N, C-alpha and C. Protein backbone atom coordinates (compact mmCIF):
# COMPACT_ATOMS: atom_id res chain seq x y z
N MET A 1 132.93 66.73 91.28
CA MET A 1 132.60 68.01 90.64
C MET A 1 133.48 69.10 91.25
N SER A 2 134.24 69.78 90.39
CA SER A 2 135.22 70.74 90.88
C SER A 2 134.61 72.11 91.19
N GLY A 3 133.51 72.45 90.52
CA GLY A 3 132.93 73.78 90.69
C GLY A 3 133.61 74.82 89.85
N ASN A 4 134.53 74.42 88.99
CA ASN A 4 135.22 75.36 88.10
C ASN A 4 134.65 75.22 86.70
N PHE A 5 134.00 76.27 86.22
CA PHE A 5 133.36 76.22 84.91
C PHE A 5 133.99 77.20 83.92
N GLU A 6 135.22 77.62 84.21
CA GLU A 6 135.86 78.63 83.37
C GLU A 6 136.06 78.18 81.94
N SER A 7 136.23 76.89 81.74
CA SER A 7 136.52 76.38 80.39
C SER A 7 135.26 76.11 79.57
N TYR A 8 134.10 76.20 80.21
CA TYR A 8 132.87 75.93 79.47
C TYR A 8 132.41 77.19 78.75
N ARG A 9 132.28 77.08 77.43
CA ARG A 9 131.79 78.20 76.63
C ARG A 9 131.32 77.67 75.29
N ARG A 10 130.51 78.44 74.64
CA ARG A 10 130.08 78.13 73.29
C ARG A 10 129.94 79.44 72.53
N GLU A 11 129.95 79.34 71.22
CA GLU A 11 129.75 80.52 70.40
C GLU A 11 128.26 80.72 70.13
N TYR A 12 127.85 81.97 70.05
CA TYR A 12 126.47 82.31 69.73
C TYR A 12 126.40 82.64 68.24
N THR A 13 125.73 81.79 67.49
CA THR A 13 125.76 81.90 66.03
C THR A 13 124.37 81.94 65.41
N ALA A 14 123.34 82.16 66.22
CA ALA A 14 121.97 82.08 65.70
C ALA A 14 121.62 83.24 64.78
N GLY A 15 122.36 84.35 64.85
CA GLY A 15 122.05 85.48 63.97
C GLY A 15 122.24 86.81 64.67
N GLY A 16 122.34 87.87 63.88
CA GLY A 16 122.57 89.19 64.43
C GLY A 16 121.29 90.00 64.53
N LEU A 17 121.43 91.22 65.04
CA LEU A 17 120.32 92.14 65.19
C LEU A 17 120.84 93.54 64.92
N THR A 18 120.15 94.29 64.05
CA THR A 18 120.56 95.65 63.73
C THR A 18 119.40 96.60 63.97
N ALA A 19 119.71 97.89 64.03
CA ALA A 19 118.67 98.89 64.24
C ALA A 19 117.65 98.85 63.11
N ALA A 20 118.09 98.50 61.91
CA ALA A 20 117.18 98.43 60.77
C ALA A 20 116.15 97.33 60.93
N ASP A 21 116.46 96.34 61.77
CA ASP A 21 115.53 95.23 62.01
C ASP A 21 114.39 95.61 62.94
N LEU A 22 114.55 96.72 63.67
CA LEU A 22 113.66 97.00 64.79
C LEU A 22 112.59 98.02 64.45
N PRO A 23 111.33 97.73 64.80
CA PRO A 23 110.24 98.69 64.59
C PRO A 23 110.26 99.79 65.64
N ASP A 24 109.40 100.78 65.47
CA ASP A 24 109.33 101.89 66.43
C ASP A 24 108.83 101.42 67.80
N SER A 25 107.97 100.41 67.81
CA SER A 25 107.36 99.94 69.06
C SER A 25 108.07 98.70 69.59
N PRO A 26 108.50 98.70 70.86
CA PRO A 26 109.09 97.49 71.43
C PRO A 26 108.09 96.35 71.53
N PHE A 27 106.81 96.67 71.61
CA PHE A 27 105.80 95.61 71.70
C PHE A 27 105.72 94.84 70.39
N SER A 28 105.85 95.54 69.28
CA SER A 28 105.86 94.86 67.98
C SER A 28 107.05 93.93 67.87
N GLN A 29 108.21 94.40 68.33
CA GLN A 29 109.40 93.56 68.29
C GLN A 29 109.26 92.37 69.22
N PHE A 30 108.70 92.59 70.40
CA PHE A 30 108.52 91.49 71.34
C PHE A 30 107.58 90.44 70.75
N GLU A 31 106.48 90.86 70.18
CA GLU A 31 105.53 89.92 69.59
C GLU A 31 106.18 89.12 68.46
N ARG A 32 107.05 89.76 67.69
CA ARG A 32 107.75 89.07 66.61
C ARG A 32 108.65 87.99 67.17
N TRP A 33 109.43 88.35 68.19
CA TRP A 33 110.34 87.36 68.78
C TRP A 33 109.58 86.26 69.51
N LEU A 34 108.49 86.61 70.19
CA LEU A 34 107.70 85.59 70.87
C LEU A 34 107.12 84.60 69.87
N GLU A 35 106.61 85.10 68.76
CA GLU A 35 106.07 84.20 67.73
C GLU A 35 107.16 83.27 67.20
N GLN A 36 108.36 83.81 67.02
CA GLN A 36 109.46 82.97 66.55
C GLN A 36 109.85 81.93 67.60
N ALA A 37 109.78 82.30 68.87
CA ALA A 37 110.08 81.34 69.94
C ALA A 37 109.06 80.22 69.96
N VAL A 38 107.79 80.57 69.76
CA VAL A 38 106.73 79.55 69.70
C VAL A 38 106.95 78.63 68.51
N ASN A 39 107.20 79.23 67.34
CA ASN A 39 107.38 78.43 66.12
C ASN A 39 108.63 77.57 66.17
N ALA A 40 109.63 77.98 66.97
CA ALA A 40 110.85 77.20 67.11
C ALA A 40 110.65 75.99 68.02
N GLY A 41 109.49 75.90 68.66
CA GLY A 41 109.19 74.76 69.51
C GLY A 41 109.78 74.83 70.91
N LEU A 42 110.10 76.03 71.38
CA LEU A 42 110.59 76.14 72.76
C LEU A 42 109.52 75.63 73.72
N SER A 43 109.95 74.91 74.75
CA SER A 43 108.98 74.25 75.63
C SER A 43 108.14 75.24 76.42
N ASP A 44 108.72 76.35 76.84
CA ASP A 44 108.00 77.35 77.63
C ASP A 44 108.32 78.75 77.10
N PRO A 45 107.85 79.10 75.92
CA PRO A 45 108.20 80.41 75.35
C PRO A 45 107.64 81.58 76.13
N THR A 46 106.59 81.37 76.92
CA THR A 46 106.01 82.47 77.70
C THR A 46 106.53 82.52 79.14
N ALA A 47 107.49 81.65 79.47
CA ALA A 47 108.06 81.68 80.81
C ALA A 47 108.97 82.89 80.97
N MET A 48 108.84 83.56 82.11
CA MET A 48 109.67 84.75 82.36
C MET A 48 110.08 84.77 83.83
N ALA A 49 111.31 85.20 84.07
CA ALA A 49 111.79 85.36 85.45
C ALA A 49 111.33 86.73 85.95
N LEU A 50 110.60 86.72 87.04
CA LEU A 50 110.12 87.95 87.67
C LEU A 50 111.01 88.27 88.86
N SER A 51 111.63 89.44 88.84
CA SER A 51 112.49 89.88 89.95
C SER A 51 111.78 90.97 90.74
N THR A 52 111.77 90.80 92.05
CA THR A 52 111.17 91.79 92.95
C THR A 52 112.17 92.14 94.05
N ILE A 53 111.86 93.19 94.78
CA ILE A 53 112.66 93.61 95.93
C ILE A 53 111.71 93.73 97.12
N ASP A 54 111.99 93.01 98.20
CA ASP A 54 111.06 93.01 99.33
C ASP A 54 111.27 94.25 100.20
N GLU A 55 110.50 94.33 101.28
CA GLU A 55 110.53 95.53 102.13
C GLU A 55 111.87 95.73 102.84
N ASP A 56 112.69 94.67 102.88
CA ASP A 56 114.01 94.78 103.48
C ASP A 56 115.09 95.05 102.44
N GLY A 57 114.67 95.27 101.19
CA GLY A 57 115.63 95.57 100.13
C GLY A 57 116.31 94.37 99.53
N ARG A 58 115.77 93.16 99.78
CA ARG A 58 116.40 91.95 99.27
C ARG A 58 115.74 91.52 97.97
N PRO A 59 116.53 91.28 96.92
CA PRO A 59 115.96 90.85 95.64
C PRO A 59 115.63 89.36 95.66
N TRP A 60 114.66 88.97 94.84
CA TRP A 60 114.29 87.57 94.68
C TRP A 60 113.73 87.38 93.27
N GLN A 61 113.91 86.17 92.75
CA GLN A 61 113.43 85.85 91.41
C GLN A 61 112.66 84.55 91.43
N ARG A 62 111.73 84.44 90.47
CA ARG A 62 111.02 83.18 90.26
C ARG A 62 110.45 83.20 88.84
N ILE A 63 110.15 82.02 88.33
CA ILE A 63 109.56 81.92 86.99
C ILE A 63 108.04 82.01 87.10
N VAL A 64 107.46 82.88 86.29
CA VAL A 64 106.00 82.95 86.14
C VAL A 64 105.71 82.90 84.64
N LEU A 65 104.44 82.79 84.29
CA LEU A 65 104.07 82.69 82.89
C LEU A 65 103.37 83.96 82.42
N LEU A 66 103.78 84.44 81.27
CA LEU A 66 103.12 85.57 80.64
C LEU A 66 101.73 85.14 80.18
N LYS A 67 100.71 85.87 80.62
CA LYS A 67 99.33 85.51 80.29
C LYS A 67 98.60 86.57 79.50
N GLY A 68 99.25 87.67 79.21
CA GLY A 68 98.62 88.73 78.42
C GLY A 68 99.64 89.77 78.06
N LEU A 69 99.44 90.40 76.91
CA LEU A 69 100.34 91.45 76.46
C LEU A 69 99.57 92.47 75.64
N SER A 70 99.78 93.72 75.98
CA SER A 70 99.26 94.84 75.19
C SER A 70 100.20 95.99 75.42
N GLU A 71 99.92 97.13 74.81
CA GLU A 71 100.78 98.29 75.05
C GLU A 71 100.64 98.81 76.47
N ALA A 72 99.67 98.29 77.21
CA ALA A 72 99.55 98.64 78.63
C ALA A 72 100.53 97.86 79.48
N GLY A 73 101.02 96.70 78.98
CA GLY A 73 101.99 95.96 79.75
C GLY A 73 101.88 94.45 79.65
N PHE A 74 102.71 93.79 80.48
CA PHE A 74 102.86 92.34 80.52
C PHE A 74 102.09 91.79 81.73
N VAL A 75 101.29 90.76 81.53
CA VAL A 75 100.35 90.29 82.57
C VAL A 75 100.75 88.92 83.11
N PHE A 76 100.68 88.77 84.44
CA PHE A 76 100.80 87.46 85.08
C PHE A 76 99.83 87.42 86.26
N TYR A 77 99.61 86.21 86.81
CA TYR A 77 98.65 86.03 87.90
C TYR A 77 99.32 85.33 89.07
N THR A 78 98.80 85.61 90.27
CA THR A 78 99.37 85.01 91.46
C THR A 78 98.42 85.16 92.64
N ASN A 79 98.77 84.52 93.74
CA ASN A 79 98.08 84.69 95.02
C ASN A 79 98.53 86.00 95.65
N PHE A 80 97.60 86.79 96.14
CA PHE A 80 97.95 88.09 96.71
C PHE A 80 98.69 87.98 98.04
N GLY A 81 98.75 86.78 98.59
CA GLY A 81 99.53 86.56 99.81
C GLY A 81 100.90 85.98 99.55
N SER A 82 101.25 85.80 98.29
CA SER A 82 102.53 85.21 97.93
C SER A 82 103.67 86.17 98.22
N ASP A 83 104.88 85.63 98.24
CA ASP A 83 106.06 86.48 98.44
C ASP A 83 106.15 87.56 97.37
N LYS A 84 105.87 87.18 96.12
CA LYS A 84 106.00 88.16 95.04
C LYS A 84 105.00 89.29 95.19
N ALA A 85 103.76 88.96 95.60
CA ALA A 85 102.73 89.98 95.77
C ALA A 85 103.07 90.90 96.93
N GLU A 86 103.57 90.34 98.02
CA GLU A 86 103.93 91.17 99.17
C GLU A 86 105.12 92.08 98.84
N ALA A 87 106.07 91.56 98.04
CA ALA A 87 107.20 92.39 97.63
C ALA A 87 106.73 93.53 96.74
N ILE A 88 105.82 93.23 95.82
CA ILE A 88 105.29 94.27 94.93
C ILE A 88 104.55 95.33 95.72
N SER A 89 103.85 94.93 96.77
CA SER A 89 103.15 95.89 97.62
C SER A 89 104.14 96.85 98.29
N ALA A 90 105.31 96.31 98.66
CA ALA A 90 106.33 97.13 99.31
C ALA A 90 107.10 97.98 98.31
N ASN A 91 107.33 97.41 97.10
CA ASN A 91 108.10 98.09 96.07
C ASN A 91 107.62 97.60 94.71
N PRO A 92 106.84 98.39 93.98
CA PRO A 92 106.25 97.93 92.72
C PRO A 92 107.22 97.88 91.54
N ASN A 93 108.48 98.34 91.75
CA ASN A 93 109.46 98.28 90.66
C ASN A 93 109.95 96.84 90.49
N VAL A 94 109.77 96.30 89.29
CA VAL A 94 110.10 94.91 89.03
C VAL A 94 110.86 94.79 87.70
N SER A 95 111.39 93.60 87.46
CA SER A 95 112.04 93.29 86.20
C SER A 95 111.58 91.93 85.73
N LEU A 96 111.45 91.79 84.41
CA LEU A 96 111.10 90.52 83.78
C LEU A 96 112.24 90.11 82.86
N LEU A 97 112.52 88.82 82.79
CA LEU A 97 113.53 88.30 81.87
C LEU A 97 112.96 87.11 81.12
N PHE A 98 112.97 87.20 79.80
CA PHE A 98 112.58 86.08 78.95
C PHE A 98 113.85 85.42 78.44
N PRO A 99 114.20 84.21 78.92
CA PRO A 99 115.48 83.57 78.57
C PRO A 99 115.32 82.59 77.40
N TRP A 100 115.29 83.10 76.20
CA TRP A 100 115.13 82.24 75.02
C TRP A 100 116.50 81.75 74.58
N ASN A 101 117.11 80.91 75.41
CA ASN A 101 118.49 80.49 75.22
C ASN A 101 118.71 79.72 73.92
N GLU A 102 117.71 78.92 73.53
CA GLU A 102 117.88 78.12 72.32
C GLU A 102 118.02 78.99 71.07
N LEU A 103 117.53 80.21 71.14
CA LEU A 103 117.63 81.14 70.02
C LEU A 103 118.72 82.19 70.23
N ASP A 104 119.53 81.99 71.28
CA ASP A 104 120.56 82.96 71.66
C ASP A 104 119.96 84.34 71.86
N ARG A 105 118.83 84.39 72.53
CA ARG A 105 118.12 85.65 72.73
C ARG A 105 117.64 85.78 74.17
N GLN A 106 117.52 87.02 74.60
CA GLN A 106 116.82 87.32 75.84
C GLN A 106 116.18 88.70 75.72
N VAL A 107 115.11 88.88 76.45
CA VAL A 107 114.44 90.17 76.52
C VAL A 107 114.32 90.53 78.00
N ILE A 108 114.71 91.75 78.34
CA ILE A 108 114.62 92.24 79.71
C ILE A 108 113.66 93.41 79.75
N VAL A 109 112.72 93.35 80.69
CA VAL A 109 111.71 94.40 80.84
C VAL A 109 111.85 95.00 82.23
N GLY A 110 111.92 96.31 82.31
CA GLY A 110 111.91 97.00 83.60
C GLY A 110 110.71 97.91 83.68
N GLY A 111 109.98 97.84 84.79
CA GLY A 111 108.79 98.67 84.90
C GLY A 111 108.14 98.57 86.26
N THR A 112 106.88 98.93 86.29
CA THR A 112 106.11 98.98 87.53
C THR A 112 104.95 98.00 87.46
N ALA A 113 104.78 97.19 88.49
CA ALA A 113 103.69 96.21 88.55
C ALA A 113 102.50 96.80 89.29
N LYS A 114 101.34 96.68 88.68
CA LYS A 114 100.11 97.16 89.30
C LYS A 114 99.05 96.07 89.25
N ARG A 115 98.29 95.99 90.33
CA ARG A 115 97.24 94.97 90.40
C ARG A 115 96.13 95.28 89.41
N MET A 116 95.66 94.25 88.74
CA MET A 116 94.59 94.40 87.76
C MET A 116 93.23 94.42 88.46
N SER A 117 92.21 94.83 87.73
CA SER A 117 90.87 94.88 88.30
C SER A 117 90.35 93.47 88.55
N PHE A 118 89.39 93.37 89.45
CA PHE A 118 88.77 92.08 89.73
C PHE A 118 88.12 91.51 88.48
N ALA A 119 87.49 92.35 87.68
CA ALA A 119 86.81 91.88 86.47
C ALA A 119 87.80 91.25 85.51
N GLU A 120 88.97 91.88 85.33
CA GLU A 120 89.98 91.31 84.43
C GLU A 120 90.49 89.98 84.96
N SER A 121 90.76 89.92 86.26
CA SER A 121 91.26 88.68 86.86
C SER A 121 90.22 87.57 86.80
N ALA A 122 88.96 87.93 87.05
CA ALA A 122 87.89 86.94 87.04
C ALA A 122 87.71 86.33 85.66
N ALA A 123 87.81 87.17 84.63
CA ALA A 123 87.65 86.66 83.26
C ALA A 123 88.69 85.59 82.96
N TYR A 124 89.93 85.81 83.40
CA TYR A 124 90.97 84.81 83.16
C TYR A 124 90.76 83.59 84.04
N PHE A 125 90.44 83.80 85.33
CA PHE A 125 90.27 82.68 86.25
C PHE A 125 89.21 81.71 85.73
N LEU A 126 88.10 82.23 85.24
CA LEU A 126 87.01 81.38 84.78
C LEU A 126 87.35 80.64 83.49
N SER A 127 88.42 81.06 82.82
CA SER A 127 88.86 80.36 81.60
C SER A 127 89.85 79.24 81.90
N ARG A 128 90.33 79.16 83.14
CA ARG A 128 91.35 78.17 83.50
C ARG A 128 90.74 76.78 83.63
N PRO A 129 91.56 75.73 83.48
CA PRO A 129 91.07 74.38 83.77
C PRO A 129 90.57 74.29 85.21
N ARG A 130 89.57 73.47 85.42
CA ARG A 130 88.95 73.38 86.75
C ARG A 130 89.96 73.00 87.83
N GLU A 131 90.87 72.09 87.53
CA GLU A 131 91.85 71.67 88.54
C GLU A 131 92.79 72.83 88.90
N SER A 132 93.09 73.69 87.93
CA SER A 132 93.91 74.86 88.23
C SER A 132 93.15 75.84 89.10
N GLN A 133 91.86 75.96 88.88
CA GLN A 133 91.04 76.83 89.72
C GLN A 133 91.03 76.33 91.16
N ILE A 134 90.88 75.04 91.33
CA ILE A 134 90.86 74.46 92.67
C ILE A 134 92.23 74.61 93.34
N ALA A 135 93.29 74.44 92.56
CA ALA A 135 94.64 74.59 93.11
C ALA A 135 94.86 76.01 93.62
N ALA A 136 94.29 77.00 92.93
CA ALA A 136 94.42 78.38 93.39
C ALA A 136 93.76 78.56 94.76
N TRP A 137 92.64 77.90 94.98
CA TRP A 137 91.97 77.95 96.28
C TRP A 137 92.76 77.21 97.35
N ALA A 138 93.35 76.07 96.97
CA ALA A 138 93.98 75.19 97.96
C ALA A 138 95.29 75.75 98.50
N SER A 139 96.06 76.42 97.63
CA SER A 139 97.40 76.84 98.01
C SER A 139 97.42 78.23 98.61
N ARG A 140 97.96 78.32 99.81
CA ARG A 140 98.29 79.62 100.40
C ARG A 140 99.75 79.89 100.03
N GLN A 141 99.93 80.34 98.84
CA GLN A 141 101.23 80.39 98.19
C GLN A 141 102.29 81.06 99.06
N SER A 142 103.45 80.43 99.12
CA SER A 142 104.65 80.88 99.85
C SER A 142 104.58 80.63 101.35
N ARG A 143 103.45 80.15 101.87
CA ARG A 143 103.34 79.88 103.29
C ARG A 143 103.89 78.48 103.60
N PRO A 144 104.50 78.28 104.77
CA PRO A 144 105.04 76.96 105.12
C PRO A 144 103.94 75.90 105.23
N ILE A 145 104.31 74.65 104.96
CA ILE A 145 103.39 73.52 105.13
C ILE A 145 104.20 72.33 105.64
N ALA A 146 103.62 71.54 106.53
CA ALA A 146 104.36 70.45 107.16
C ALA A 146 104.66 69.33 106.18
N LYS A 147 103.72 69.03 105.31
CA LYS A 147 103.93 67.97 104.32
C LYS A 147 102.94 68.12 103.18
N ARG A 148 103.29 67.57 102.03
CA ARG A 148 102.48 67.69 100.82
C ARG A 148 101.10 67.08 101.00
N ALA A 149 101.01 66.04 101.82
CA ALA A 149 99.72 65.36 102.01
C ALA A 149 98.64 66.32 102.50
N LEU A 150 99.02 67.33 103.27
CA LEU A 150 98.04 68.29 103.76
C LEU A 150 97.47 69.12 102.62
N LEU A 151 98.31 69.48 101.67
CA LEU A 151 97.84 70.22 100.50
C LEU A 151 96.92 69.35 99.65
N GLU A 152 97.29 68.09 99.47
CA GLU A 152 96.46 67.18 98.69
C GLU A 152 95.11 66.95 99.35
N GLU A 153 95.08 66.92 100.67
CA GLU A 153 93.82 66.77 101.40
C GLU A 153 92.95 68.00 101.21
N GLU A 154 93.56 69.18 101.21
CA GLU A 154 92.80 70.41 100.98
C GLU A 154 92.20 70.41 99.59
N VAL A 155 92.95 69.93 98.61
CA VAL A 155 92.43 69.84 97.24
C VAL A 155 91.22 68.90 97.21
N ARG A 156 91.31 67.77 97.90
CA ARG A 156 90.19 66.81 97.94
C ARG A 156 88.95 67.45 98.53
N LYS A 157 89.11 68.19 99.62
CA LYS A 157 87.97 68.86 100.25
C LYS A 157 87.34 69.89 99.31
N LEU A 158 88.16 70.61 98.62
CA LEU A 158 87.65 71.65 97.72
C LEU A 158 86.96 71.05 96.50
N ARG A 159 87.45 69.91 96.02
CA ARG A 159 86.76 69.23 94.92
C ARG A 159 85.33 68.87 95.33
N ASN A 160 85.18 68.41 96.57
CA ASN A 160 83.85 68.07 97.07
C ASN A 160 83.01 69.34 97.28
N LYS A 161 83.63 70.37 97.80
CA LYS A 161 82.91 71.62 98.08
C LYS A 161 82.38 72.24 96.79
N PHE A 162 83.18 72.18 95.73
CA PHE A 162 82.80 72.80 94.46
C PHE A 162 82.38 71.77 93.43
N ALA A 163 81.82 70.67 93.91
CA ALA A 163 81.47 69.57 93.01
C ALA A 163 80.44 69.98 91.97
N GLU A 164 79.59 70.92 92.33
CA GLU A 164 78.55 71.36 91.40
C GLU A 164 78.73 72.85 91.09
N GLY A 165 78.56 73.18 89.84
CA GLY A 165 78.64 74.58 89.43
C GLY A 165 80.07 75.06 89.23
N GLU A 166 80.19 76.35 88.96
CA GLU A 166 81.50 76.94 88.73
C GLU A 166 82.29 77.10 90.03
N VAL A 167 83.60 77.05 89.91
CA VAL A 167 84.47 77.37 91.03
C VAL A 167 84.52 78.89 91.13
N PRO A 168 84.17 79.46 92.27
CA PRO A 168 84.17 80.94 92.38
C PRO A 168 85.58 81.50 92.33
N VAL A 169 85.67 82.77 91.98
CA VAL A 169 86.97 83.44 91.91
C VAL A 169 87.41 83.81 93.32
N PRO A 170 88.59 83.37 93.76
CA PRO A 170 89.06 83.74 95.10
C PRO A 170 89.34 85.24 95.19
N ASP A 171 89.04 85.83 96.34
CA ASP A 171 89.34 87.25 96.50
C ASP A 171 90.80 87.49 96.82
N PHE A 172 91.57 86.41 97.03
CA PHE A 172 92.99 86.53 97.35
C PHE A 172 93.88 86.18 96.16
N TRP A 173 93.31 86.17 94.97
CA TRP A 173 94.05 85.74 93.78
C TRP A 173 93.72 86.69 92.62
N GLY A 174 94.71 86.99 91.79
CA GLY A 174 94.41 87.83 90.65
C GLY A 174 95.66 88.21 89.87
N GLY A 175 95.50 89.17 88.98
CA GLY A 175 96.56 89.52 88.04
C GLY A 175 97.30 90.79 88.38
N TYR A 176 98.52 90.85 87.83
CA TYR A 176 99.33 92.05 87.86
C TYR A 176 99.72 92.39 86.43
N ARG A 177 99.79 93.66 86.15
CA ARG A 177 100.26 94.13 84.85
C ARG A 177 101.54 94.94 85.06
N VAL A 178 102.60 94.51 84.41
CA VAL A 178 103.87 95.23 84.48
C VAL A 178 103.89 96.26 83.36
N GLN A 179 103.86 97.53 83.74
CA GLN A 179 103.89 98.63 82.78
C GLN A 179 105.35 99.00 82.54
N PRO A 180 105.88 98.71 81.36
CA PRO A 180 107.32 98.86 81.13
C PRO A 180 107.75 100.30 80.94
N GLU A 181 108.97 100.57 81.39
CA GLU A 181 109.63 101.85 81.16
C GLU A 181 110.84 101.67 80.26
N ARG A 182 111.37 100.46 80.22
CA ARG A 182 112.47 100.13 79.31
C ARG A 182 112.39 98.65 78.97
N ILE A 183 112.75 98.35 77.74
CA ILE A 183 112.74 96.98 77.24
C ILE A 183 114.01 96.78 76.42
N GLU A 184 114.78 95.76 76.78
CA GLU A 184 116.03 95.50 76.08
C GLU A 184 115.97 94.17 75.34
N PHE A 185 116.42 94.19 74.10
CA PHE A 185 116.51 92.99 73.26
C PHE A 185 117.98 92.64 73.07
N TRP A 186 118.31 91.40 73.39
CA TRP A 186 119.70 90.92 73.34
C TRP A 186 119.78 89.73 72.40
N GLN A 187 120.66 89.84 71.43
CA GLN A 187 120.90 88.74 70.49
C GLN A 187 122.36 88.35 70.59
N GLY A 188 122.62 87.09 70.91
CA GLY A 188 123.99 86.64 71.06
C GLY A 188 124.77 86.75 69.76
N GLY A 189 126.04 87.11 69.87
CA GLY A 189 126.91 87.24 68.70
C GLY A 189 128.21 86.48 68.88
N GLU A 190 128.87 86.19 67.77
CA GLU A 190 130.14 85.47 67.82
C GLU A 190 131.20 86.27 68.56
N HIS A 191 132.08 85.53 69.25
CA HIS A 191 133.21 86.12 69.97
C HIS A 191 132.75 87.12 71.04
N ARG A 192 131.56 86.89 71.56
CA ARG A 192 130.98 87.70 72.63
C ARG A 192 130.65 89.13 72.18
N LEU A 193 130.58 89.35 70.87
CA LEU A 193 130.18 90.66 70.36
C LEU A 193 128.67 90.63 70.14
N HIS A 194 127.93 90.65 71.25
CA HIS A 194 126.47 90.54 71.21
C HIS A 194 125.84 91.84 70.72
N ASP A 195 124.61 91.72 70.24
CA ASP A 195 123.83 92.89 69.82
C ASP A 195 122.80 93.20 70.90
N ARG A 196 122.82 94.44 71.41
CA ARG A 196 121.89 94.87 72.46
C ARG A 196 121.24 96.18 72.05
N PHE A 197 119.92 96.19 72.14
CA PHE A 197 119.17 97.41 71.84
C PHE A 197 118.16 97.64 72.96
N ARG A 198 118.09 98.89 73.42
CA ARG A 198 117.18 99.23 74.51
C ARG A 198 116.19 100.30 74.06
N TYR A 199 114.91 99.99 74.30
CA TYR A 199 113.85 100.98 74.14
C TYR A 199 113.62 101.64 75.49
N GLN A 200 113.56 102.96 75.51
CA GLN A 200 113.34 103.72 76.75
C GLN A 200 112.14 104.63 76.57
N LEU A 201 111.25 104.62 77.55
CA LEU A 201 110.04 105.44 77.50
C LEU A 201 110.31 106.78 78.16
N ASP A 202 109.98 107.89 77.45
CA ASP A 202 110.20 109.20 78.04
C ASP A 202 108.93 109.70 78.73
N GLY A 203 109.00 110.91 79.28
CA GLY A 203 107.88 111.46 80.04
C GLY A 203 106.66 111.75 79.23
N GLN A 204 106.80 111.81 77.90
CA GLN A 204 105.66 112.07 77.01
C GLN A 204 105.08 110.78 76.43
N GLY A 205 105.57 109.63 76.90
CA GLY A 205 105.06 108.36 76.43
C GLY A 205 105.60 107.93 75.08
N VAL A 206 106.77 108.46 74.71
CA VAL A 206 107.39 108.12 73.42
C VAL A 206 108.60 107.22 73.67
N TRP A 207 108.71 106.15 72.87
CA TRP A 207 109.83 105.23 73.00
C TRP A 207 111.01 105.70 72.15
N SER A 208 112.20 105.71 72.73
CA SER A 208 113.43 105.97 71.98
C SER A 208 114.27 104.70 71.98
N LEU A 209 115.09 104.54 70.95
CA LEU A 209 115.88 103.32 70.78
C LEU A 209 117.36 103.66 70.79
N SER A 210 118.15 102.89 71.54
CA SER A 210 119.59 103.07 71.55
C SER A 210 120.26 101.71 71.52
N GLN A 211 121.44 101.67 70.91
CA GLN A 211 122.22 100.44 70.88
C GLN A 211 123.23 100.49 72.01
N LEU A 212 123.40 99.35 72.68
CA LEU A 212 124.32 99.27 73.81
C LEU A 212 125.50 98.37 73.46
N GLN A 213 126.65 98.67 74.01
CA GLN A 213 127.80 97.80 73.83
C GLN A 213 127.55 96.48 74.58
N PRO A 214 128.13 95.41 74.07
CA PRO A 214 127.87 94.10 74.70
C PRO A 214 128.52 93.96 76.07
């Protein structure tokens, strides 16, 4: 393997995007594209890369799943002791990227992440499969572990502990809502002449739309 990928390229021919295609609300456009991603059979249409900046100013990314959407923002869940949660505590400015590569599309969201209420998080936690609930209890997310067997043993203990009744909601786990300030829609175009449109939120809560050069 040479490590030289300069010759690898493909044309983006899935379709264009014009201002006339776009509604006034970026949420309406996002829902339209998400529905198309689902209908196209993408394996993880709700997967998004979450970028954070830690207290030392270092950026980091990871894939999380979108679990809710409204005009209030984009929702995901995590352990409050995880690297992402600690970074958000230090700097709540985050970015989301939806990489719908099969459709030659991506959506980038920039905004502020805020922790959701316990009631909102509990409602979602209690709807999860039981094994996912137990996994949330077992994992001290982002913390070192000597070997996987220790995690599996913790899961076994928790299955016995919660053998009867509901699995309680952990106080160290819950949701974040990313309140967007800008949302960009990117549609790949032939000869690298891509279509890019950015919605920007002003101080009065009104979205404006501008087209960007590729």
